[in-house]
Amino acid sequence: MQAFPYKPQTRVKHEILREYLKRWAGIVLNGLRRPYRKAIEQGTTSAFTVRLAYIDAFAATGRYQQDGKLYSGSPLIGIEALDSARATAHADATQPVPYTYALLFEKDPSRCAELLETLKEKGLDERLQLSGRFMDLWHSGIAVRCGEYQDHIGEVLDFTARPYTWSFYLLDPYGPKGLEMDVVRRIVGGERHDVMINFPYQDLLKKAGSERKGTPEHEEHLKHYDALYDTPEWREIARTYQGDDLETALVQFYVRKIKAIDPDVTVKSIPLLFPDRQRTMFYLILTTHDPTGALAMNQVIHGAKQSEYKYRVQWKTQKAQERIMERSGGLVQQSLFGDEIAAPAAKRDYVNEAAERIHAEFCGNKAKYRQVLHSLADSVYFPDEVRKAVLRLKRQKRADFSSPLNHETLITFR
């Protein structure tokens, strides 16, 4: 069976996916504790149906290989994350136990066949649905469709639009292929949709060069990026900027297009680098409607950048050792590699800074903790840093609240 090589940027991408899915599911279920407790008191828990859905638009084969080891691809990461969330909720009587679903799409027939084999090897045969309506998918079911996800997008959106349904969409096409904004708009705009999008920056950079040079043979591909942005205005950016300024302008323009879908959406962009060069290969664009989710993204991103450094050094070291073995006839020499790969900066303490920012914004007013979180959605703070910042303000007599700190806690800022 085919298994793609597990390159550093893919490992980092999967780490972000795995860690954020864990936090996303926890945020959803923790936020339902109070209504679930009320349902228990009223004896109506049978009608309290919570659904978590994972949608992978480009599932591939579901596996990667490195150094003779097999690693889970995005389909398995998504399924395992939802299974884990359900098990955690089942062990916690204060949380509703969610129904979970996975909808996987792969247009390449051979890859789709291998995906099915991967799922079967993991013992997931009985959970597979290969045809029929998504609405008929049973609890913990896995729908696999060998075809374009766009052909099913209307049915998928109907499935995830149901009440008490929270969904995570992974839009990660392989190769230099972006996604049309008219499709992205329909997905990101969903009230309970969190989305991860692969933004193919390196290929876009090449096409920006074609636009500056007026290379006619690339015109069809340039039109593809017109559809990605939903406008040819990006071409003016390509003609105007160069270097780092060009990268910043192209990415920020895309982020603004995503934010225009819904003013309540928070968007985070994460550059991932080539294994052996300090150059951006692609961006992950993450969107959420939940302020706690936005802050959780910051923590996931920080951890992923630490891992990226480690994986890139490992990759470069391995490649250098392979070259030495080729040149020395198999004699491995002791050497140092990867020192030119920049290490991520150590994180400073943001609690005091967050406290001052919160106090400056809310001083003399009352606000629920949810409003405080929402005001910081575009910041770099972690959820725990914001909580500590509010508690610090209380100890300093600059904020006051009586109930335990949760989304509905009313805080008086002095």
Protein backbone atom coordinates (compact mmCIF):
# COMPACT_ATOMS: atom_id res chain seq x y z
CA MET A 1 0.00 0.00 0.00
CA GLN A 2 1.09 3.55 -0.74
CA ALA A 3 2.14 5.77 2.17
CA PHE A 4 3.25 9.34 1.61
CA PRO A 5 6.60 10.45 3.14
CA TYR A 6 6.04 12.18 6.47
CA LYS A 7 7.76 15.52 5.90
CA PRO A 8 8.23 18.08 8.70
CA GLN A 9 5.58 20.50 7.45
CA THR A 10 3.03 17.69 7.27
CA ARG A 11 3.90 16.51 10.79
CA VAL A 12 3.45 20.03 12.13
CA LYS A 13 0.16 20.41 10.27
CA HIS A 14 -1.10 17.15 11.77
CA GLU A 15 0.06 18.17 15.25
CA ILE A 16 -1.94 21.40 14.93
CA LEU A 17 -4.95 19.44 13.70
CA ARG A 18 -4.74 16.85 16.51
CA GLU A 19 -4.20 19.36 19.32
CA TYR A 20 -6.82 21.81 18.14
CA LEU A 21 -9.44 19.11 17.60
CA LYS A 22 -8.88 18.00 21.20
CA ARG A 23 -9.35 21.54 22.50
CA TRP A 24 -12.25 22.28 20.11
CA ALA A 25 -14.25 19.27 21.30
CA GLY A 26 -13.50 20.11 24.93
CA ILE A 27 -14.61 23.72 24.48
CA VAL A 28 -17.89 22.65 22.86
CA LEU A 29 -18.74 20.09 25.54
CA ASN A 30 -17.63 22.26 28.46
CA GLY A 31 -19.83 25.05 27.14
CA LEU A 32 -22.84 22.71 27.31
CA ARG A 33 -22.44 21.76 30.99
CA ARG A 34 -25.02 24.26 32.28
CA PRO A 35 -27.80 23.50 29.75
CA TYR A 36 -27.11 19.79 30.18
CA ARG A 37 -27.37 20.09 33.97
CA LYS A 38 -30.67 21.89 33.50
CA ALA A 39 -31.88 19.11 31.20
CA ILE A 40 -30.95 16.56 33.88
CA GLU A 41 -32.96 18.50 36.48
CA GLN A 42 -35.96 18.64 34.14
CA GLY A 43 -35.62 15.01 33.04
CA THR A 44 -35.24 15.96 29.37
CA THR A 45 -31.77 14.59 28.61
CA SER A 46 -33.24 12.19 26.03
CA ALA A 47 -33.91 15.19 23.79
CA PHE A 48 -30.45 16.68 24.42
CA THR A 49 -28.67 15.34 21.32
CA VAL A 50 -25.22 16.83 20.73
CA ARG A 51 -23.36 16.01 17.52
CA LEU A 52 -19.68 16.46 16.71
CA ALA A 53 -18.74 16.05 13.05
CA TYR A 54 -15.34 15.91 11.34
CA ILE A 55 -15.29 16.61 7.58
CA ASP A 56 -12.11 15.87 5.60
CA ALA A 57 -12.46 17.12 2.02
CA PHE A 58 -9.16 15.60 0.80
CA ALA A 59 -8.63 12.47 2.86
CA ALA A 60 -5.92 10.79 0.70
CA THR A 61 -4.81 7.33 1.90
CA GLY A 62 -4.97 8.02 5.64
CA ARG A 63 -1.35 7.10 6.34
CA TYR A 64 2.23 8.41 6.12
CA GLN A 65 5.59 6.71 6.43
CA GLN A 66 8.94 7.82 7.84
CA ASP A 67 11.95 5.75 8.89
CA GLY A 68 10.02 2.53 8.42
CA LYS A 69 7.17 3.66 10.69
CA LEU A 70 3.56 4.33 9.72
CA TYR A 71 1.79 7.45 10.98
CA SER A 72 -1.90 8.36 10.97
CA GLY A 73 -3.07 10.79 8.33
CA SER A 74 -5.79 13.39 8.81
CA PRO A 75 -8.78 10.98 8.51
CA LEU A 76 -7.58 8.85 11.41
CA ILE A 77 -6.56 11.91 13.43
CA GLY A 78 -10.09 13.29 13.08
CA ILE A 79 -11.81 10.02 13.93
CA GLU A 80 -9.55 9.36 16.93
CA ALA A 81 -10.08 12.89 18.26
CA LEU A 82 -13.86 12.55 18.23
CA ASP A 83 -13.72 9.06 19.73
CA SER A 84 -11.53 10.42 22.52
CA ALA A 85 -13.93 13.34 23.14
CA ARG A 86 -16.84 10.92 23.44
CA ALA A 87 -14.94 8.68 25.88
CA THR A 88 -13.99 11.69 28.02
CA ALA A 89 -17.58 12.95 28.12
CA HIS A 90 -18.86 9.45 28.93
CA ALA A 91 -16.62 9.41 32.03
CA ASP A 92 -17.86 12.86 33.11
CA ALA A 93 -21.50 12.86 34.21
CA THR A 94 -21.69 16.66 33.94
CA GLN A 95 -21.11 16.68 30.16
CA PRO A 96 -23.45 15.46 27.43
CA VAL A 97 -22.09 12.43 25.59
CA PRO A 98 -21.95 13.47 21.92
CA TYR A 99 -22.88 11.55 18.85
CA THR A 100 -19.83 11.60 16.56
CA TYR A 101 -19.51 11.43 12.78
CA ALA A 102 -16.75 11.54 10.19
CA LEU A 103 -17.33 12.44 6.53
CA LEU A 104 -14.31 11.63 4.35
CA PHE A 105 -13.86 12.49 0.67
CA GLU A 106 -11.16 11.36 -1.76
CA LYS A 107 -11.52 11.86 -5.51
CA ASP A 108 -8.60 9.66 -6.65
CA PRO A 109 -9.91 6.05 -6.99
CA SER A 110 -6.64 4.34 -6.04
CA ARG A 111 -6.13 6.57 -3.01
CA CYS A 112 -9.73 6.05 -1.97
CA ALA A 113 -9.27 2.27 -2.15
CA GLU A 114 -6.19 2.55 0.05
CA LEU A 115 -8.07 4.82 2.46
CA LEU A 116 -10.71 2.14 2.88
CA GLU A 117 -7.99 -0.43 3.48
CA THR A 118 -6.39 1.85 6.10
CA LEU A 119 -9.71 2.22 7.91
CA LYS A 120 -10.33 -1.53 7.80
CA GLU A 121 -6.87 -2.25 9.21
CA LYS A 122 -7.78 0.01 12.12
CA GLY A 123 -10.85 -2.13 12.81
CA LEU A 124 -13.34 0.48 11.61
CA ASP A 125 -15.14 -1.72 9.05
CA GLU A 126 -18.47 -1.86 10.88
CA ARG A 127 -18.63 1.93 11.14
CA LEU A 128 -18.24 2.56 7.39
CA GLN A 129 -21.02 3.93 5.21
CA LEU A 130 -20.03 3.91 1.54
CA SER A 131 -23.30 5.11 0.00
CA GLY A 132 -26.68 6.50 0.96
CA ARG A 133 -27.68 9.77 2.60
CA PHE A 134 -25.49 11.44 5.19
CA MET A 135 -28.62 12.06 7.26
CA ASP A 136 -28.91 8.27 7.62
CA LEU A 137 -25.40 7.99 9.05
CA TRP A 138 -25.57 6.21 12.39
CA HIS A 139 -23.87 7.36 15.58
CA SER A 140 -20.05 7.03 15.35
CA GLY A 141 -20.48 6.34 11.64
CA ILE A 142 -17.80 7.08 9.05
CA ALA A 143 -19.02 8.07 5.58
CA VAL A 144 -16.47 7.61 2.80
CA ARG A 145 -17.16 9.00 -0.66
CA CYS A 146 -14.82 8.29 -3.57
CA GLY A 147 -15.34 11.54 -5.44
CA GLU A 148 -15.16 15.32 -5.29
CA TYR A 149 -16.40 16.80 -2.03
CA GLN A 150 -17.92 19.70 -4.02
CA ASP A 151 -20.37 17.20 -5.51
CA HIS A 152 -21.76 16.61 -2.00
CA ILE A 153 -21.30 20.05 -0.43
CA GLY A 154 -25.02 20.87 -0.25
CA GLU A 155 -25.81 17.62 1.56
CA VAL A 156 -22.80 18.06 3.88
CA LEU A 157 -23.90 21.57 4.84
CA ASP A 158 -27.43 20.32 5.51
CA PHE A 159 -25.94 17.61 7.74
CA THR A 160 -23.84 20.04 9.78
CA ALA A 161 -26.57 22.73 9.99
CA ARG A 162 -28.74 20.63 12.30
CA PRO A 163 -29.38 21.95 15.84
CA TYR A 164 -26.74 21.11 18.45
CA THR A 165 -24.26 20.09 15.74
CA TRP A 166 -20.69 21.37 15.87
CA SER A 167 -18.40 20.61 12.93
CA PHE A 168 -14.73 20.83 12.06
CA TYR A 169 -13.91 21.09 8.34
CA LEU A 170 -10.41 20.28 7.04
CA LEU A 171 -9.88 21.79 3.56
CA ASP A 172 -6.39 20.56 2.72
CA PRO A 173 -5.90 19.72 -0.97
CA TYR A 174 -2.62 18.06 -1.88
CA GLY A 175 -0.43 19.87 -4.35
CA PRO A 176 -0.54 23.56 -5.26
CA LYS A 177 -4.29 23.92 -5.45
CA GLY A 178 -6.28 26.53 -3.60
CA LEU A 179 -10.00 26.44 -2.96
CA GLU A 180 -12.61 28.64 -4.60
CA MET A 181 -13.88 31.37 -2.30
CA ASP A 182 -17.52 30.67 -3.14
CA VAL A 183 -17.16 27.18 -1.59
CA VAL A 184 -15.06 28.40 1.35
CA ARG A 185 -17.64 31.11 2.05
CA ARG A 186 -20.44 28.57 2.46
CA ILE A 187 -18.39 26.51 4.91
CA VAL A 188 -16.77 29.24 7.02
CA GLY A 189 -20.07 31.07 7.35
CA GLY A 190 -21.67 28.20 9.28
CA GLU A 191 -22.45 29.30 12.84
CA ARG A 192 -20.96 26.19 14.46
CA HIS A 193 -18.21 25.48 11.93
CA ASP A 194 -14.50 25.60 12.74
CA VAL A 195 -12.34 25.35 9.63
CA MET A 196 -8.70 24.67 8.74
CA ILE A 197 -7.67 25.72 5.20
CA ASN A 198 -4.42 25.03 3.39
CA PHE A 199 -3.38 28.26 1.65
CA PRO A 200 -0.79 27.31 -1.05
CA TYR A 201 1.52 30.29 -0.67
CA GLN A 202 4.59 28.97 -2.50
CA ASP A 203 2.68 28.28 -5.71
CA LEU A 204 0.86 31.60 -5.38
CA LEU A 205 4.25 33.32 -5.12
CA LYS A 206 5.31 31.75 -8.41
CA LYS A 207 2.12 32.89 -10.09
CA ALA A 208 2.61 36.38 -8.66
CA GLY A 209 5.90 36.43 -10.54
CA SER A 210 4.08 35.36 -13.69
CA GLU A 211 1.63 38.22 -13.22
CA ARG A 212 4.46 40.75 -12.88
CA LYS A 213 6.15 39.40 -16.02
CA GLY A 214 2.91 39.07 -17.94
CA THR A 215 3.60 35.41 -18.79
CA PRO A 216 0.63 34.39 -21.01
CA GLU A 217 0.96 30.62 -20.59
CA HIS A 218 0.10 30.95 -16.90
CA GLU A 219 -3.11 32.90 -17.44
CA GLU A 220 -5.38 29.92 -16.79
CA HIS A 221 -3.71 29.26 -13.46
CA LEU A 222 -3.89 32.94 -12.58
CA LYS A 223 -7.65 32.71 -13.06
CA HIS A 224 -7.62 29.89 -10.50
CA TYR A 225 -6.26 32.35 -7.93
CA ASP A 226 -8.86 34.87 -9.03
CA ALA A 227 -11.39 32.27 -7.84
CA LEU A 228 -9.43 31.62 -4.63
CA TYR A 229 -9.68 35.31 -3.73
CA ASP A 230 -13.03 35.76 -5.49
CA THR A 231 -11.50 38.77 -7.24
CA PRO A 232 -8.56 39.58 -9.56
CA GLU A 233 -7.50 42.35 -7.16
CA TRP A 234 -4.69 40.15 -5.81
CA ARG A 235 -2.90 40.72 -9.13
CA GLU A 236 -2.42 44.38 -8.28
CA ILE A 237 -0.78 43.28 -5.01
CA ALA A 238 1.50 40.96 -7.00
CA ARG A 239 2.57 43.85 -9.23
CA THR A 240 3.06 46.30 -6.35
CA TYR A 241 4.93 44.42 -3.60
CA GLN A 242 8.07 42.28 -3.41
CA GLY A 243 9.85 40.06 -0.88
CA ASP A 244 8.43 39.80 2.63
CA ASP A 245 6.05 42.67 1.92
CA LEU A 246 4.51 40.65 -0.91
CA GLU A 247 3.99 37.61 1.34
CA THR A 248 2.39 39.73 4.06
CA ALA A 249 0.13 41.56 1.62
CA LEU A 250 -1.09 38.41 -0.17
CA VAL A 251 -1.85 36.56 3.07
CA GLN A 252 -3.49 39.52 4.79
CA PHE A 253 -5.67 40.11 1.72
CA TYR A 254 -6.88 36.50 1.93
CA VAL A 255 -7.50 36.81 5.68
CA ARG A 256 -9.57 39.96 5.06
CA LYS A 257 -11.64 38.08 2.46
CA ILE A 258 -12.30 35.32 5.01
CA LYS A 259 -13.21 37.80 7.75
CA ALA A 260 -15.64 39.52 5.39
CA ILE A 261 -17.70 36.31 5.34
CA ASP A 262 -18.79 36.90 8.94
CA PRO A 263 -17.64 39.73 11.25
CA ASP A 264 -17.81 37.31 14.22
CA VAL A 265 -15.25 34.93 12.70
CA THR A 266 -11.73 34.96 14.14
CA VAL A 267 -9.01 34.02 11.64
CA LYS A 268 -5.51 32.82 12.50
CA SER A 269 -2.80 32.34 9.86
CA ILE A 270 0.14 29.99 10.49
CA PRO A 271 3.18 29.93 8.14
CA LEU A 272 4.82 26.53 7.72
CA LEU A 273 8.35 26.44 6.32
CA PHE A 274 10.24 24.25 3.89
CA PRO A 275 12.12 21.43 5.66
CA ASP A 276 15.55 22.90 4.83
CA ARG A 277 14.94 26.57 4.04
CA GLN A 278 13.78 29.62 5.95
CA ARG A 279 11.01 30.18 3.41
CA THR A 280 7.27 29.76 3.71
CA MET A 281 5.87 26.71 1.95
CA PHE A 282 2.18 27.19 2.79
CA TYR A 283 -0.09 28.72 5.40
CA LEU A 284 -2.72 27.10 7.54
CA ILE A 285 -5.73 29.37 7.93
CA LEU A 286 -7.89 28.52 10.96
CA THR A 287 -11.31 30.04 11.58
CA THR A 288 -13.64 29.88 14.56
CA HIS A 289 -16.76 31.62 15.87
CA ASP A 290 -15.84 30.86 19.50
CA PRO A 291 -13.57 33.32 21.39
CA THR A 292 -12.22 30.56 23.62
CA GLY A 293 -11.42 28.57 20.49
CA ALA A 294 -9.54 31.55 19.08
CA LEU A 295 -7.36 31.75 22.21
CA ALA A 296 -6.88 27.98 22.22
CA MET A 297 -5.54 28.31 18.69
CA ASN A 298 -2.76 30.53 20.04
CA GLN A 299 -1.62 27.81 22.40
CA VAL A 300 -1.72 25.15 19.68
CA ILE A 301 0.21 27.39 17.30
CA HIS A 302 2.89 28.10 19.90
CA GLY A 303 3.43 24.41 20.59
CA ALA A 304 3.48 23.61 16.89
CA LYS A 305 6.22 26.14 16.16
CA GLN A 306 8.40 24.46 18.80
CA SER A 307 7.76 21.11 17.10
CA GLU A 308 8.42 22.55 13.65
CA TYR A 309 11.93 23.51 14.70
CA LYS A 310 12.58 20.00 16.07
CA TYR A 311 11.20 18.21 13.00
CA ARG A 312 13.11 20.41 10.56
CA VAL A 313 16.40 19.85 12.38
CA GLN A 314 15.74 16.09 12.40
CA TRP A 315 14.91 16.14 8.69
CA LYS A 316 17.97 18.14 7.71
CA THR A 317 20.22 16.01 9.91
CA GLN A 318 18.92 12.83 8.30
CA LYS A 319 19.40 14.18 4.76
CA ALA A 320 22.94 15.30 5.60
CA GLN A 321 23.78 11.88 7.05
CA GLU A 322 22.44 10.20 3.92
CA ARG A 323 24.69 12.39 1.75
CA ILE A 324 27.74 11.59 3.93
CA MET A 325 27.03 7.87 3.69
CA GLU A 326 26.78 8.10 -0.08
CA ARG A 327 30.12 9.94 -0.30
CA SER A 328 31.95 7.81 2.27
CA GLY A 329 30.73 4.43 1.11
CA GLY A 330 28.55 3.87 4.19
CA LEU A 331 30.96 5.28 6.79
CA VAL A 332 28.94 7.65 9.00
CA GLN A 333 30.92 10.55 10.41
CA GLN A 334 30.00 12.57 13.51
CA SER A 335 28.80 16.01 12.38
CA LEU A 336 26.46 18.81 13.37
CA PHE A 337 23.59 19.75 11.09
CA GLY A 338 20.68 22.13 11.06
CA ASP A 339 22.41 24.91 13.04
CA GLU A 340 21.29 27.46 10.43
CA ILE A 341 17.63 26.66 11.13
CA ALA A 342 16.35 29.42 13.37
CA ALA A 343 14.98 28.30 16.73
CA PRO A 344 11.59 29.73 17.77
CA ALA A 345 11.69 32.55 20.28
CA ALA A 346 10.95 31.68 23.90
CA LYS A 347 7.51 32.81 25.00
CA ARG A 348 7.34 35.66 27.51
CA ASP A 349 4.81 36.05 30.32
CA TYR A 350 1.68 37.73 28.92
CA VAL A 351 -0.51 37.69 32.04
CA ASN A 352 0.26 41.22 33.21
CA GLU A 353 0.01 42.58 29.67
CA ALA A 354 -3.37 40.87 29.21
CA ALA A 355 -4.61 42.25 32.54
CA GLU A 356 -3.70 45.82 31.57
CA ARG A 357 -5.34 45.45 28.17
CA ILE A 358 -8.55 44.05 29.68
CA HIS A 359 -8.71 46.77 32.32
CA ALA A 360 -8.10 49.53 29.79
CA GLU A 361 -10.96 48.28 27.62
CA PHE A 362 -13.56 47.58 30.34
CA CYS A 363 -12.63 50.03 33.13
CA GLY A 364 -15.76 51.53 34.71
CA ASN A 365 -18.08 48.99 33.06
CA LYS A 366 -19.61 45.59 33.63
CA ALA A 367 -19.08 42.71 31.22
CA LYS A 368 -19.55 38.98 31.10
CA TYR A 369 -16.39 36.90 30.89
CA ARG A 370 -17.55 35.80 27.43
CA GLN A 371 -17.34 39.44 26.30
CA VAL A 372 -13.82 39.71 27.69
CA LEU A 373 -12.77 36.62 25.76
CA HIS A 374 -14.41 37.93 22.59
CA SER A 375 -12.52 41.24 22.89
CA LEU A 376 -9.24 39.30 22.91
CA ALA A 377 -10.07 36.87 20.10
CA ASP A 378 -7.49 38.43 17.75
CA SER A 379 -4.78 38.61 20.42
CA VAL A 380 -1.84 36.26 21.03
CA TYR A 381 -2.93 35.22 24.55
CA PHE A 382 -3.68 31.69 25.76
CA PRO A 383 -7.01 30.90 27.51
CA ASP A 384 -5.26 30.28 30.83
CA GLU A 385 -3.37 33.57 30.57
CA VAL A 386 -6.63 35.47 30.18
CA ARG A 387 -8.16 33.66 33.15
CA LYS A 388 -5.10 34.46 35.29
CA ALA A 389 -5.23 38.08 34.10
CA VAL A 390 -8.83 38.48 35.27
CA LEU A 391 -8.05 36.82 38.62
CA ARG A 392 -5.07 39.16 39.01
CA LEU A 393 -7.34 42.16 38.43
CA LYS A 394 -9.66 40.82 41.13
CA ARG A 395 -6.78 40.46 43.62
CA GLN A 396 -5.76 44.04 42.79
CA LYS A 397 -9.34 45.24 43.53
CA ARG A 398 -9.67 46.46 39.95
CA ALA A 399 -12.30 43.85 39.08
CA ASP A 400 -14.95 42.09 41.11
CA PHE A 401 -17.15 39.03 40.60
CA SER A 402 -18.70 36.53 42.97
CA SER A 403 -19.43 33.35 41.02
CA PRO A 404 -16.78 30.95 39.70
CA LEU A 405 -15.26 32.29 36.49
CA ASN A 406 -17.17 30.96 33.48
CA HIS A 407 -18.54 32.44 30.26
CA GLU A 408 -21.61 33.90 31.98
CA THR A 409 -19.79 35.38 35.00
CA LEU A 410 -20.57 39.10 35.30
CA ILE A 411 -17.47 41.14 36.11
CA THR A 412 -17.45 44.70 37.43
CA PHE A 413 -14.34 46.60 36.39
CA ARG A 414 -13.30 49.49 38.66
